[in-house]
Amino acid sequence: MLIGEVSRRSGVSVRMLRHYDRIGLVRPSARTGTGYREYAPADLRRLFAAEALRTLGLSLAQVGRALDDPGFDAAAMVAELIAGTETRIAAEHSLLVRLREIEASEPRSGQDILEVVGLLSALRSGSADRRQAAALSHGSGPRQPDGPQLAGQLVDSYLDEPDPGVAGALRWAVARAGRPGLEALAARSRDIDRGVRLRVVLALDEIEDPASERLLAGFLRDPDLRVAGHAAIFLARRRSGAAEPPVLLARLVTMVVAGVDDVEAAEALSALAGTSTGIRAEAVNALAARLEAHGADSSQARSRIAQALGEVGGPDAHDVLDGLTRDPDPAVRSVAAYLLG
């Protein structure tokens, strides 16, 4: 079969068939009397095999080795092809994500695109200084609400940031991102990682928005006391109406007793008690009840409760502290006497 007919039947161009001949991949077995290439059935089978291997992404050199080397490792070749394909897919997916992030920022000019690309590149930088500079630069610019994807990227960068200083800058940038930033935080509020949930709570505290207070109220039932406790502290300091006072009181008193951020919890109890005499009385009663529940074997917990009573203040707290000056535990007596002094 001559080269023209082989080209028509195989779909391989004459130019490519000549190239295959030159490099020795598929050579015609004979020549006609006038010098034309003539392909035998075996040549055609090799050609079709070569084309089939090329559809898998093999280079011409790899195709030649697969066809000519009796010891060719087909399994290794397939594994190599899979690894290379996965790498390309990952790169393409990364590009697609970045393009969608840029699209979500609603760029109006080429300069807008360059700024978004610069921000995203800096946030993914291996340099903490560069990441921090990007966060501060983005947060300090003229505020226009970020698109959901870009705000989501800021939140993800903040939640994953290992450097505390950079995390603080990113938290500030997230707070400046407006409602899209708040929505992105809400989407991560049920993350399985308690560290992520705690960072969400810390970021919500920097956002002055009723919606952020509602989200903080949802954290009061978080299984981790530190996460729930921070939410309670922030809500109490704001004197927010997003959560019922008894729920806040219960969390804050538990923190005092457990010694989890107990100083901040006692200060928050004081702020909450300042909203009304009724709430102050409830706080004192709750702390006094925990005194009864913790006997002489819980000296540190009882001392912390006494200190919290001193923060809450008022006549009822004074009466409880006066009784503690006669407590069997000398450490508790000392704390009570100091607070009353």
C-alpha atoms as a PDB file:
ATOM      1  CA  MET A   1       0.000   0.000   0.000  1.00  0.00           C
ATOM      2  CA  LEU A   2       1.446   3.342  -1.009  1.00  0.00           C
ATOM      3  CA  ILE A   3       1.856   6.253   1.354  1.00  0.00           C
ATOM      4  CA  GLY A   4      -1.075   8.265  -0.026  1.00  0.00           C
ATOM      5  CA  GLU A   5      -3.543   5.446   0.496  1.00  0.00           C
ATOM      6  CA  VAL A   6      -2.112   4.717   3.977  1.00  0.00           C
ATOM      7  CA  SER A   7      -2.689   8.373   4.860  1.00  0.00           C
ATOM      8  CA  ARG A   8      -6.290   8.276   3.648  1.00  0.00           C
ATOM      9  CA  ARG A   9      -7.129   5.079   5.521  1.00  0.00           C
ATOM     10  CA  SER A  10      -5.292   5.854   8.763  1.00  0.00           C
ATOM     11  CA  GLY A  11      -5.955   9.570   9.078  1.00  0.00           C
ATOM     12  CA  VAL A  12      -2.214  10.202   9.574  1.00  0.00           C
ATOM     13  CA  SER A  13      -0.920  12.919   7.289  1.00  0.00           C
ATOM     14  CA  VAL A  14       1.661  12.126   4.618  1.00  0.00           C
ATOM     15  CA  ARG A  15       4.011  14.589   6.294  1.00  0.00           C
ATOM     16  CA  MET A  16       3.733  12.726   9.609  1.00  0.00           C
ATOM     17  CA  LEU A  17       4.205   9.352   7.922  1.00  0.00           C
ATOM     18  CA  ARG A  18       7.448  10.653   6.391  1.00  0.00           C
ATOM     19  CA  HIS A  19       8.523  11.902   9.823  1.00  0.00           C
ATOM     20  CA  TYR A  20       7.799   8.464  11.327  1.00  0.00           C
ATOM     21  CA  ASP A  21       9.965   6.946   8.614  1.00  0.00           C
ATOM     22  CA  ARG A  22      12.827   9.391   9.292  1.00  0.00           C
ATOM     23  CA  ILE A  23      12.955   8.684  13.036  1.00  0.00           C
ATOM     24  CA  GLY A  24      12.483   4.958  12.587  1.00  0.00           C
ATOM     25  CA  LEU A  25       9.124   4.714  14.350  1.00  0.00           C
ATOM     26  CA  VAL A  26       7.165   3.266  11.392  1.00  0.00           C
ATOM     27  CA  ARG A  27       9.192   2.428   8.303  1.00  0.00           C
ATOM     28  CA  PRO A  28       7.710   0.976   5.118  1.00  0.00           C
ATOM     29  CA  SER A  29       9.039  -2.474   4.393  1.00  0.00           C
ATOM     30  CA  ALA A  30       9.695  -1.810   0.700  1.00  0.00           C
ATOM     31  CA  ARG A  31       9.985   0.718  -2.088  1.00  0.00           C
ATOM     32  CA  THR A  32       8.459   0.572  -5.526  1.00  0.00           C
ATOM     33  CA  GLY A  33      10.615   0.583  -8.607  1.00  0.00           C
ATOM     34  CA  THR A  34      10.103   4.326  -8.856  1.00  0.00           C
ATOM     35  CA  GLY A  35      11.116   4.880  -5.172  1.00  0.00           C
ATOM     36  CA  TYR A  36       7.686   5.307  -3.548  1.00  0.00           C
ATOM     37  CA  ARG A  37       7.222   3.997  -0.007  1.00  0.00           C
ATOM     38  CA  GLU A  38       5.232   0.774   0.142  1.00  0.00           C
ATOM     39  CA  TYR A  39       3.690  -0.392   3.408  1.00  0.00           C
ATOM     40  CA  ALA A  40       3.135  -4.062   4.209  1.00  0.00           C
ATOM     41  CA  PRO A  41       0.315  -5.300   6.541  1.00  0.00           C
ATOM     42  CA  ALA A  42       2.819  -5.557   9.411  1.00  0.00           C
ATOM     43  CA  ASP A  43       3.799  -1.921   8.868  1.00  0.00           C
ATOM     44  CA  LEU A  44       0.164  -0.887   9.071  1.00  0.00           C
ATOM     45  CA  ARG A  45      -0.334  -2.816  12.305  1.00  0.00           C
ATOM     46  CA  ARG A  46       2.698  -1.033  13.795  1.00  0.00           C
ATOM     47  CA  LEU A  47       1.332   2.319  12.608  1.00  0.00           C
ATOM     48  CA  PHE A  48      -2.055   1.717  14.225  1.00  0.00           C
ATOM     49  CA  ALA A  49      -0.352   0.542  17.445  1.00  0.00           C
ATOM     50  CA  ALA A  50       1.791   3.684  17.495  1.00  0.00           C
ATOM     51  CA  GLU A  51      -1.231   5.930  17.019  1.00  0.00           C
ATOM     52  CA  ALA A  52      -3.116   4.105  19.771  1.00  0.00           C
ATOM     53  CA  LEU A  53      -0.233   4.629  22.211  1.00  0.00           C
ATOM     54  CA  ARG A  54      -0.016   8.301  21.288  1.00  0.00           C
ATOM     55  CA  THR A  55      -3.643   8.784  22.374  1.00  0.00           C
ATOM     56  CA  LEU A  56      -2.471   7.929  25.912  1.00  0.00           C
ATOM     57  CA  GLY A  57      -0.168  10.929  25.894  1.00  0.00           C
ATOM     58  CA  LEU A  58       3.110   9.130  25.173  1.00  0.00           C
ATOM     59  CA  SER A  59       5.874  10.968  23.346  1.00  0.00           C
ATOM     60  CA  LEU A  60       7.172   9.521  20.082  1.00  0.00           C
ATOM     61  CA  ALA A  61      10.303   8.314  21.895  1.00  0.00           C
ATOM     62  CA  GLN A  62       8.165   6.514  24.475  1.00  0.00           C
ATOM     63  CA  VAL A  63       6.047   4.952  21.716  1.00  0.00           C
ATOM     64  CA  GLY A  64       9.213   3.687  20.027  1.00  0.00           C
ATOM     65  CA  ARG A  65      10.469   2.098  23.253  1.00  0.00           C
ATOM     66  CA  ALA A  66       7.084   0.476  23.904  1.00  0.00           C
ATOM     67  CA  LEU A  67       7.074  -1.095  20.443  1.00  0.00           C
ATOM     68  CA  ASP A  68      10.735  -2.133  20.203  1.00  0.00           C
ATOM     69  CA  ASP A  69      11.957  -2.969  23.710  1.00  0.00           C
ATOM     70  CA  PRO A  70      11.068  -6.551  24.728  1.00  0.00           C
ATOM     71  CA  GLY A  71      11.710  -5.655  28.380  1.00  0.00           C
ATOM     72  CA  PHE A  72       9.535  -2.551  28.310  1.00  0.00           C
ATOM     73  CA  ASP A  73       7.701  -2.129  31.661  1.00  0.00           C
ATOM     74  CA  ALA A  74       4.102  -1.417  30.658  1.00  0.00           C
ATOM     75  CA  ALA A  75       2.866  -1.138  34.250  1.00  0.00           C
ATOM     76  CA  ALA A  76       5.506   1.456  35.102  1.00  0.00           C
ATOM     77  CA  MET A  77       4.622   3.389  31.955  1.00  0.00           C
ATOM     78  CA  VAL A  78       0.926   3.466  32.893  1.00  0.00           C
ATOM     79  CA  ALA A  79       1.761   4.575  36.455  1.00  0.00           C
ATOM     80  CA  GLU A  80       3.940   7.361  35.072  1.00  0.00           C
ATOM     81  CA  LEU A  81       1.170   8.469  32.735  1.00  0.00           C
ATOM     82  CA  ILE A  82      -1.345   8.505  35.597  1.00  0.00           C
ATOM     83  CA  ALA A  83       0.965  10.601  37.791  1.00  0.00           C
ATOM     84  CA  GLY A  84       1.603  13.079  34.997  1.00  0.00           C
ATOM     85  CA  THR A  85      -2.095  13.328  34.196  1.00  0.00           C
ATOM     86  CA  GLU A  86      -3.011  13.908  37.844  1.00  0.00           C
ATOM     87  CA  THR A  87      -0.404  16.681  38.052  1.00  0.00           C
ATOM     88  CA  ARG A  88      -1.820  18.374  34.962  1.00  0.00           C
ATOM     89  CA  ILE A  89      -5.391  18.049  36.259  1.00  0.00           C
ATOM     90  CA  ALA A  90      -4.379  19.566  39.608  1.00  0.00           C
ATOM     91  CA  ALA A  91      -2.683  22.453  37.818  1.00  0.00           C
ATOM     92  CA  GLU A  92      -5.728  23.011  35.617  1.00  0.00           C
ATOM     93  CA  HIS A  93      -8.048  22.870  38.638  1.00  0.00           C
ATOM     94  CA  SER A  94      -5.885  25.396  40.472  1.00  0.00           C
ATOM     95  CA  LEU A  95      -6.052  27.677  37.448  1.00  0.00           C
ATOM     96  CA  LEU A  96      -9.835  27.254  37.254  1.00  0.00           C
ATOM     97  CA  VAL A  97     -10.233  28.143  40.942  1.00  0.00           C
ATOM     98  CA  ARG A  98      -8.099  31.233  40.506  1.00  0.00           C
ATOM     99  CA  LEU A  99     -10.047  32.323  37.427  1.00  0.00           C
ATOM    100  CA  ARG A 100     -13.339  31.927  39.303  1.00  0.00           C
ATOM    101  CA  GLU A 101     -11.941  33.959  42.193  1.00  0.00           C
ATOM    102  CA  ILE A 102     -10.997  36.705  39.772  1.00  0.00           C
ATOM    103  CA  GLU A 103     -14.406  36.535  38.100  1.00  0.00           C
ATOM    104  CA  ALA A 104     -16.155  36.745  41.495  1.00  0.00           C
ATOM    105  CA  SER A 105     -14.310  39.977  42.278  1.00  0.00           C
ATOM    106  CA  GLU A 106     -16.144  41.528  39.296  1.00  0.00           C
ATOM    107  CA  PRO A 107     -13.105  43.200  37.717  1.00  0.00           C
ATOM    108  CA  ARG A 108     -13.866  46.274  35.629  1.00  0.00           C
ATOM    109  CA  SER A 109     -10.440  46.706  34.077  1.00  0.00           C
ATOM    110  CA  GLY A 110      -7.156  44.990  33.432  1.00  0.00           C
ATOM    111  CA  GLN A 111      -5.745  46.788  36.478  1.00  0.00           C
ATOM    112  CA  ASP A 112      -8.459  45.231  38.659  1.00  0.00           C
ATOM    113  CA  ILE A 113      -7.435  41.784  37.431  1.00  0.00           C
ATOM    114  CA  LEU A 114      -3.766  42.489  38.177  1.00  0.00           C
ATOM    115  CA  GLU A 115      -4.623  43.637  41.714  1.00  0.00           C
ATOM    116  CA  VAL A 116      -6.680  40.520  42.450  1.00  0.00           C
ATOM    117  CA  VAL A 117      -3.998  38.222  41.014  1.00  0.00           C
ATOM    118  CA  GLY A 118      -1.384  40.029  43.107  1.00  0.00           C
ATOM    119  CA  LEU A 119      -3.459  39.626  46.268  1.00  0.00           C
ATOM    120  CA  LEU A 120      -4.108  35.924  45.718  1.00  0.00           C
ATOM    121  CA  SER A 121      -0.448  35.250  44.895  1.00  0.00           C
ATOM    122  CA  ALA A 122       0.710  37.109  47.997  1.00  0.00           C
ATOM    123  CA  LEU A 123      -1.750  35.273  50.272  1.00  0.00           C
ATOM    124  CA  ARG A 124      -0.300  31.963  49.041  1.00  0.00           C
ATOM    125  CA  SER A 125       3.299  33.141  49.403  1.00  0.00           C
ATOM    126  CA  GLY A 126       5.803  31.214  51.511  1.00  0.00           C
ATOM    127  CA  SER A 127       6.888  34.512  53.068  1.00  0.00           C
ATOM    128  CA  ALA A 128       5.003  35.540  56.232  1.00  0.00           C
ATOM    129  CA  ASP A 129       6.023  39.159  55.666  1.00  0.00           C
ATOM    130  CA  ARG A 130       4.539  39.137  52.190  1.00  0.00           C
ATOM    131  CA  ARG A 131       1.295  37.538  53.392  1.00  0.00           C
ATOM    132  CA  GLN A 132       0.981  40.110  56.173  1.00  0.00           C
ATOM    133  CA  ALA A 133       1.695  43.004  53.812  1.00  0.00           C
ATOM    134  CA  ALA A 134      -0.992  41.719  51.439  1.00  0.00           C
ATOM    135  CA  ALA A 135      -3.565  41.489  54.242  1.00  0.00           C
ATOM    136  CA  LEU A 136      -2.787  44.970  55.556  1.00  0.00           C
ATOM    137  CA  SER A 137      -2.774  46.478  52.071  1.00  0.00           C
ATOM    138  CA  HIS A 138      -6.115  44.890  51.178  1.00  0.00           C
ATOM    139  CA  GLY A 139      -7.732  45.872  54.463  1.00  0.00           C
ATOM    140  CA  SER A 140      -6.541  49.485  54.373  1.00  0.00           C
ATOM    141  CA  GLY A 141      -7.674  50.263  50.819  1.00  0.00           C
ATOM    142  CA  PRO A 142     -10.930  52.000  49.842  1.00  0.00           C
ATOM    143  CA  ARG A 143     -13.634  49.624  50.975  1.00  0.00           C
ATOM    144  CA  GLN A 144     -15.843  48.104  48.355  1.00  0.00           C
ATOM    145  CA  PRO A 145     -17.542  44.837  49.332  1.00  0.00           C
ATOM    146  CA  ASP A 146     -15.469  41.882  48.127  1.00  0.00           C
ATOM    147  CA  GLY A 147     -17.098  39.217  45.998  1.00  0.00           C
ATOM    148  CA  PRO A 148     -18.016  35.979  47.790  1.00  0.00           C
ATOM    149  CA  GLN A 149     -15.106  34.018  46.317  1.00  0.00           C
ATOM    150  CA  LEU A 150     -12.494  36.639  47.175  1.00  0.00           C
ATOM    151  CA  ALA A 151     -13.871  37.081  50.697  1.00  0.00           C
ATOM    152  CA  GLY A 152     -13.879  33.298  51.025  1.00  0.00           C
ATOM    153  CA  GLN A 153     -10.215  33.241  50.024  1.00  0.00           C
ATOM    154  CA  LEU A 154      -9.394  35.829  52.688  1.00  0.00           C
ATOM    155  CA  VAL A 155     -11.244  33.760  55.306  1.00  0.00           C
ATOM    156  CA  ASP A 156      -9.583  30.508  54.232  1.00  0.00           C
ATOM    157  CA  SER A 157      -6.157  32.167  54.345  1.00  0.00           C
ATOM    158  CA  TYR A 158      -6.918  33.521  57.825  1.00  0.00           C
ATOM    159  CA  LEU A 159      -8.152  30.170  59.161  1.00  0.00           C
ATOM    160  CA  ASP A 160      -5.117  28.307  57.769  1.00  0.00           C
ATOM    161  CA  GLU A 161      -2.473  30.918  58.667  1.00  0.00           C
ATOM    162  CA  PRO A 162       0.226  29.475  60.979  1.00  0.00           C
ATOM    163  CA  ASP A 163       1.817  32.816  61.910  1.00  0.00           C
ATOM    164  CA  PRO A 164      -0.119  34.600  64.728  1.00  0.00           C
ATOM    165  CA  GLY A 165       0.887  38.061  63.508  1.00  0.00           C
ATOM    166  CA  VAL A 166      -0.220  37.380  59.963  1.00  0.00           C
ATOM    167  CA  ALA A 167      -3.427  35.779  61.272  1.00  0.00           C
ATOM    168  CA  GLY A 168      -4.198  38.999  63.142  1.00  0.00           C
ATOM    169  CA  ALA A 169      -3.721  41.071  59.995  1.00  0.00           C
ATOM    170  CA  LEU A 170      -5.901  38.683  58.000  1.00  0.00           C
ATOM    171  CA  ARG A 171      -8.590  38.754  60.709  1.00  0.00           C
ATOM    172  CA  TRP A 172      -8.676  42.537  60.402  1.00  0.00           C
ATOM    173  CA  ALA A 173      -8.910  42.297  56.604  1.00  0.00           C
ATOM    174  CA  VAL A 174     -11.781  39.808  56.924  1.00  0.00           C
ATOM    175  CA  ALA A 175     -13.618  42.194  59.267  1.00  0.00           C
ATOM    176  CA  ARG A 176     -13.184  44.916  56.642  1.00  0.00           C
ATOM    177  CA  ALA A 177     -14.537  42.698  53.861  1.00  0.00           C
ATOM    178  CA  GLY A 178     -18.162  43.450  54.784  1.00  0.00           C
ATOM    179  CA  ARG A 179     -21.080  41.084  54.532  1.00  0.00           C
ATOM    180  CA  PRO A 180     -19.321  38.617  52.146  1.00  0.00           C
ATOM    181  CA  GLY A 181     -16.633  38.140  54.812  1.00  0.00           C
ATOM    182  CA  LEU A 182     -19.293  37.497  57.434  1.00  0.00           C
ATOM    183  CA  GLU A 183     -20.986  34.936  55.190  1.00  0.00           C
ATOM    184  CA  ALA A 184     -17.669  33.203  54.529  1.00  0.00           C
ATOM    185  CA  LEU A 185     -17.074  32.935  58.288  1.00  0.00           C
ATOM    186  CA  ALA A 186     -20.562  31.531  58.793  1.00  0.00           C
ATOM    187  CA  ALA A 187     -19.820  28.815  56.223  1.00  0.00           C
ATOM    188  CA  ARG A 188     -16.888  27.610  58.366  1.00  0.00           C
ATOM    189  CA  SER A 189     -18.651  27.898  61.735  1.00  0.00           C
ATOM    190  CA  ARG A 190     -19.251  24.148  62.025  1.00  0.00           C
ATOM    191  CA  ASP A 191     -15.754  23.068  61.015  1.00  0.00           C
ATOM    192  CA  ILE A 192     -14.636  19.849  62.696  1.00  0.00           C
ATOM    193  CA  ASP A 193     -11.394  21.517  63.823  1.00  0.00           C
ATOM    194  CA  ARG A 194     -11.917  23.362  67.130  1.00  0.00           C
ATOM    195  CA  GLY A 195      -8.980  25.657  66.274  1.00  0.00           C
ATOM    196  CA  VAL A 196     -10.801  26.781  63.138  1.00  0.00           C
ATOM    197  CA  ARG A 197     -14.019  27.397  65.091  1.00  0.00           C
ATOM    198  CA  LEU A 198     -12.111  29.430  67.679  1.00  0.00           C
ATOM    199  CA  ARG A 199     -10.611  31.602  64.939  1.00  0.00           C
ATOM    200  CA  VAL A 200     -14.067  32.119  63.473  1.00  0.00           C
ATOM    201  CA  VAL A 201     -15.285  33.349  66.884  1.00  0.00           C
ATOM    202  CA  LEU A 202     -12.299  35.707  67.221  1.00  0.00           C
ATOM    203  CA  ALA A 203     -13.004  37.168  63.782  1.00  0.00           C
ATOM    204  CA  LEU A 204     -16.717  37.590  64.481  1.00  0.00           C
ATOM    205  CA  ASP A 205     -15.871  39.673  67.542  1.00  0.00           C
ATOM    206  CA  GLU A 206     -14.221  42.253  65.276  1.00  0.00           C
ATOM    207  CA  ILE A 207     -17.301  42.691  63.083  1.00  0.00           C
ATOM    208  CA  GLU A 208     -19.833  45.233  64.304  1.00  0.00           C
ATOM    209  CA  ASP A 209     -22.959  43.715  62.833  1.00  0.00           C
ATOM    210  CA  PRO A 210     -26.089  42.191  64.436  1.00  0.00           C
ATOM    211  CA  ALA A 211     -25.538  39.152  62.236  1.00  0.00           C
ATOM    212  CA  SER A 212     -22.126  38.564  63.822  1.00  0.00           C
ATOM    213  CA  GLU A 213     -23.763  38.587  67.276  1.00  0.00           C
ATOM    214  CA  ARG A 214     -26.315  36.010  66.134  1.00  0.00           C
ATOM    215  CA  LEU A 215     -23.508  33.817  64.866  1.00  0.00           C
ATOM    216  CA  LEU A 216     -21.638  34.213  68.158  1.00  0.00           C
ATOM    217  CA  ALA A 217     -24.783  33.176  70.023  1.00  0.00           C
ATOM    218  CA  GLY A 218     -24.813  29.975  67.994  1.00  0.00           C
ATOM    219  CA  PHE A 219     -21.363  29.111  69.361  1.00  0.00           C
ATOM    220  CA  LEU A 220     -22.575  29.118  72.974  1.00  0.00           C
ATOM    221  CA  ARG A 221     -23.454  25.437  72.614  1.00  0.00           C
ATOM    222  CA  ASP A 222     -20.144  24.492  71.004  1.00  0.00           C
ATOM    223  CA  PRO A 223     -18.766  21.285  72.566  1.00  0.00           C
ATOM    224  CA  ASP A 224     -15.404  22.967  73.207  1.00  0.00           C
ATOM    225  CA  LEU A 225     -15.522  25.165  76.332  1.00  0.00           C
ATOM    226  CA  ARG A 226     -12.878  27.593  75.051  1.00  0.00           C
ATOM    227  CA  VAL A 227     -14.796  28.192  71.801  1.00  0.00           C
ATOM    228  CA  ALA A 228     -18.152  28.570  73.565  1.00  0.00           C
ATOM    229  CA  GLY A 229     -16.537  30.612  76.336  1.00  0.00           C
ATOM    230  CA  HIS A 230     -14.996  33.164  73.990  1.00  0.00           C
ATOM    231  CA  ALA A 231     -18.363  33.607  72.299  1.00  0.00           C
ATOM    232  CA  ALA A 232     -19.936  34.187  75.732  1.00  0.00           C
ATOM    233  CA  ILE A 233     -17.221  36.680  76.733  1.00  0.00           C
ATOM    234  CA  PHE A 234     -17.639  38.701  73.537  1.00  0.00           C
ATOM    235  CA  LEU A 235     -21.429  38.757  73.790  1.00  0.00           C
ATOM    236  CA  ALA A 236     -21.336  39.758  77.457  1.00  0.00           C
ATOM    237  CA  ARG A 237     -18.873  42.578  76.791  1.00  0.00           C
ATOM    238  CA  ARG A 238     -21.126  43.866  74.027  1.00  0.00           C
ATOM    239  CA  ARG A 239     -24.127  43.482  76.328  1.00  0.00           C
ATOM    240  CA  SER A 240     -25.715  41.862  73.316  1.00  0.00           C
ATOM    241  CA  GLY A 241     -29.331  40.817  73.229  1.00  0.00           C
ATOM    242  CA  ALA A 242     -28.579  37.990  70.790  1.00  0.00           C
ATOM    243  CA  ALA A 243     -28.337  35.443  73.621  1.00  0.00           C
ATOM    244  CA  GLU A 244     -30.373  34.857  76.769  1.00  0.00           C
ATOM    245  CA  PRO A 245     -28.553  36.055  79.928  1.00  0.00           C
ATOM    246  CA  PRO A 246     -28.992  32.694  81.740  1.00  0.00           C
ATOM    247  CA  VAL A 247     -27.161  30.929  78.885  1.00  0.00           C
ATOM    248  CA  LEU A 248     -24.317  33.453  79.022  1.00  0.00           C
ATOM    249  CA  LEU A 249     -24.140  33.208  82.810  1.00  0.00           C
ATOM    250  CA  ALA A 250     -23.942  29.421  82.710  1.00  0.00           C
ATOM    251  CA  ARG A 251     -21.044  29.440  80.236  1.00  0.00           C
ATOM    252  CA  LEU A 252     -19.102  32.162  82.026  1.00  0.00           C
ATOM    253  CA  VAL A 253     -19.491  30.558  85.465  1.00  0.00           C
ATOM    254  CA  THR A 254     -18.351  27.200  84.034  1.00  0.00           C
ATOM    255  CA  MET A 255     -15.236  28.900  82.654  1.00  0.00           C
ATOM    256  CA  VAL A 256     -14.444  30.417  86.058  1.00  0.00           C
ATOM    257  CA  VAL A 257     -14.813  27.077  87.822  1.00  0.00           C
ATOM    258  CA  ALA A 258     -12.818  25.184  85.164  1.00  0.00           C
ATOM    259  CA  GLY A 259     -10.052  27.786  85.058  1.00  0.00           C
ATOM    260  CA  VAL A 260     -10.485  28.337  81.298  1.00  0.00           C
ATOM    261  CA  ASP A 261      -9.774  32.027  80.624  1.00  0.00           C
ATOM    262  CA  ASP A 262     -11.281  32.586  84.081  1.00  0.00           C
ATOM    263  CA  VAL A 263     -10.050  36.178  84.477  1.00  0.00           C
ATOM    264  CA  GLU A 264     -11.675  37.254  81.185  1.00  0.00           C
ATOM    265  CA  ALA A 265     -14.809  35.279  82.093  1.00  0.00           C
ATOM    266  CA  ALA A 266     -15.053  37.056  85.480  1.00  0.00           C
ATOM    267  CA  GLU A 267     -14.697  40.441  83.778  1.00  0.00           C
ATOM    268  CA  ALA A 268     -17.425  39.468  81.313  1.00  0.00           C
ATOM    269  CA  LEU A 269     -19.660  38.432  84.227  1.00  0.00           C
ATOM    270  CA  SER A 270     -19.131  41.896  85.697  1.00  0.00           C
ATOM    271  CA  ALA A 271     -20.118  43.523  82.395  1.00  0.00           C
ATOM    272  CA  LEU A 272     -23.211  41.329  82.152  1.00  0.00           C
ATOM    273  CA  ALA A 273     -24.163  41.985  85.781  1.00  0.00           C
ATOM    274  CA  GLY A 274     -24.004  45.691  85.102  1.00  0.00           C
ATOM    275  CA  THR A 275     -27.014  45.477  82.784  1.00  0.00           C
ATOM    276  CA  SER A 276     -29.519  44.998  85.644  1.00  0.00           C
ATOM    277  CA  THR A 277     -29.759  44.198  89.340  1.00  0.00           C
ATOM    278  CA  GLY A 278     -31.720  41.040  88.496  1.00  0.00           C
ATOM    279  CA  ILE A 279     -28.910  39.653  86.332  1.00  0.00           C
ATOM    280  CA  ARG A 280     -26.355  40.626  89.006  1.00  0.00           C
ATOM    281  CA  ALA A 281     -28.349  38.622  91.556  1.00  0.00           C
ATOM    282  CA  GLU A 282     -28.518  35.643  89.180  1.00  0.00           C
ATOM    283  CA  ALA A 283     -24.740  35.792  88.655  1.00  0.00           C
ATOM    284  CA  VAL A 284     -24.091  35.822  92.403  1.00  0.00           C
ATOM    285  CA  ASN A 285     -26.525  32.931  92.975  1.00  0.00           C
ATOM    286  CA  ALA A 286     -24.905  30.898  90.193  1.00  0.00           C
ATOM    287  CA  LEU A 287     -21.416  31.445  91.623  1.00  0.00           C
ATOM    288  CA  ALA A 288     -22.585  30.714  95.176  1.00  0.00           C
ATOM    289  CA  ALA A 289     -24.187  27.471  94.012  1.00  0.00           C
ATOM    290  CA  ARG A 290     -20.887  26.355  92.538  1.00  0.00           C
ATOM    291  CA  LEU A 291     -19.193  27.136  95.859  1.00  0.00           C
ATOM    292  CA  GLU A 292     -21.541  24.671  97.512  1.00  0.00           C
ATOM    293  CA  ALA A 293     -20.844  22.092  94.824  1.00  0.00           C
ATOM    294  CA  HIS A 294     -17.062  22.291  95.281  1.00  0.00           C
ATOM    295  CA  GLY A 295     -15.871  21.145  98.667  1.00  0.00           C
ATOM    296  CA  ALA A 296     -12.611  21.721 100.487  1.00  0.00           C
ATOM    297  CA  ASP A 297     -10.797  19.531  97.944  1.00  0.00           C
ATOM    298  CA  SER A 298     -11.306  22.190  95.238  1.00  0.00           C
ATOM    299  CA  SER A 299      -9.324  25.062  96.704  1.00  0.00           C
ATOM    300  CA  GLN A 300      -8.289  26.608  93.380  1.00  0.00           C
ATOM    301  CA  ALA A 301     -11.803  26.480  91.913  1.00  0.00           C
ATOM    302  CA  ARG A 302     -13.280  28.046  95.069  1.00  0.00           C
ATOM    303  CA  SER A 303     -10.633  30.791  95.024  1.00  0.00           C
ATOM    304  CA  ARG A 304     -11.487  31.577  91.406  1.00  0.00           C
ATOM    305  CA  ILE A 305     -15.179  31.745  92.290  1.00  0.00           C
ATOM    306  CA  ALA A 306     -14.370  34.176  95.105  1.00  0.00           C
ATOM    307  CA  GLN A 307     -12.409  36.360  92.703  1.00  0.00           C
ATOM    308  CA  ALA A 308     -15.322  36.321  90.250  1.00  0.00           C
ATOM    309  CA  LEU A 309     -17.685  37.404  93.047  1.00  0.00           C
ATOM    310  CA  GLY A 310     -15.381  40.332  93.658  1.00  0.00           C
ATOM    311  CA  GLU A 311     -15.653  41.283  89.958  1.00  0.00           C
ATOM    312  CA  VAL A 312     -19.458  41.025  89.962  1.00  0.00           C
ATOM    313  CA  GLY A 313     -19.758  43.124  93.131  1.00  0.00           C
ATOM    314  CA  GLY A 314     -22.920  44.337  94.831  1.00  0.00           C
ATOM    315  CA  PRO A 315     -24.429  43.651  98.281  1.00  0.00           C
ATOM    316  CA  ASP A 316     -25.214  39.994  97.558  1.00  0.00           C
ATOM    317  CA  ALA A 317     -21.660  39.268  96.435  1.00  0.00           C
ATOM    318  CA  HIS A 318     -20.381  41.126  99.516  1.00  0.00           C
ATOM    319  CA  ASP A 319     -22.422  38.878 101.787  1.00  0.00           C
ATOM    320  CA  VAL A 320     -21.109  35.705 100.141  1.00  0.00           C
ATOM    321  CA  LEU A 321     -17.528  36.954 100.359  1.00  0.00           C
ATOM    322  CA  ASP A 322     -18.048  37.858 104.017  1.00  0.00           C
ATOM    323  CA  GLY A 323     -19.040  34.263 104.682  1.00  0.00           C
ATOM    324  CA  LEU A 324     -15.909  33.072 102.832  1.00  0.00           C
ATOM    325  CA  THR A 325     -13.689  34.941 105.299  1.00  0.00           C
ATOM    326  CA  ARG A 326     -14.524  32.103 107.696  1.00  0.00           C
ATOM    327  CA  ASP A 327     -14.011  29.358 105.095  1.00  0.00           C
ATOM    328  CA  PRO A 328     -12.026  26.290 106.269  1.00  0.00           C
ATOM    329  CA  ASP A 329      -9.613  26.796 103.358  1.00  0.00           C
ATOM    330  CA  PRO A 330      -6.972  29.439 104.195  1.00  0.00           C
ATOM    331  CA  ALA A 331      -6.439  30.298 100.501  1.00  0.00           C
ATOM    332  CA  VAL A 332     -10.144  31.019 100.051  1.00  0.00           C
ATOM    333  CA  ARG A 333     -10.229  33.064 103.296  1.00  0.00           C
ATOM    334  CA  SER A 334      -7.259  35.093 102.086  1.00  0.00           C
ATOM    335  CA  VAL A 335      -8.864  35.896  98.724  1.00  0.00           C
ATOM    336  CA  ALA A 336     -12.169  36.862 100.347  1.00  0.00           C
ATOM    337  CA  ALA A 337     -10.473  39.078 102.935  1.00  0.00           C
ATOM    338  CA  TYR A 338      -8.415  40.820 100.263  1.00  0.00           C
ATOM    339  CA  LEU A 339     -11.475  41.518  98.095  1.00  0.00           C
ATOM    340  CA  LEU A 340     -13.445  42.873 101.026  1.00  0.00           C
ATOM    341  CA  GLY A 341     -10.494  44.912 102.304  1.00  0.00           C
END
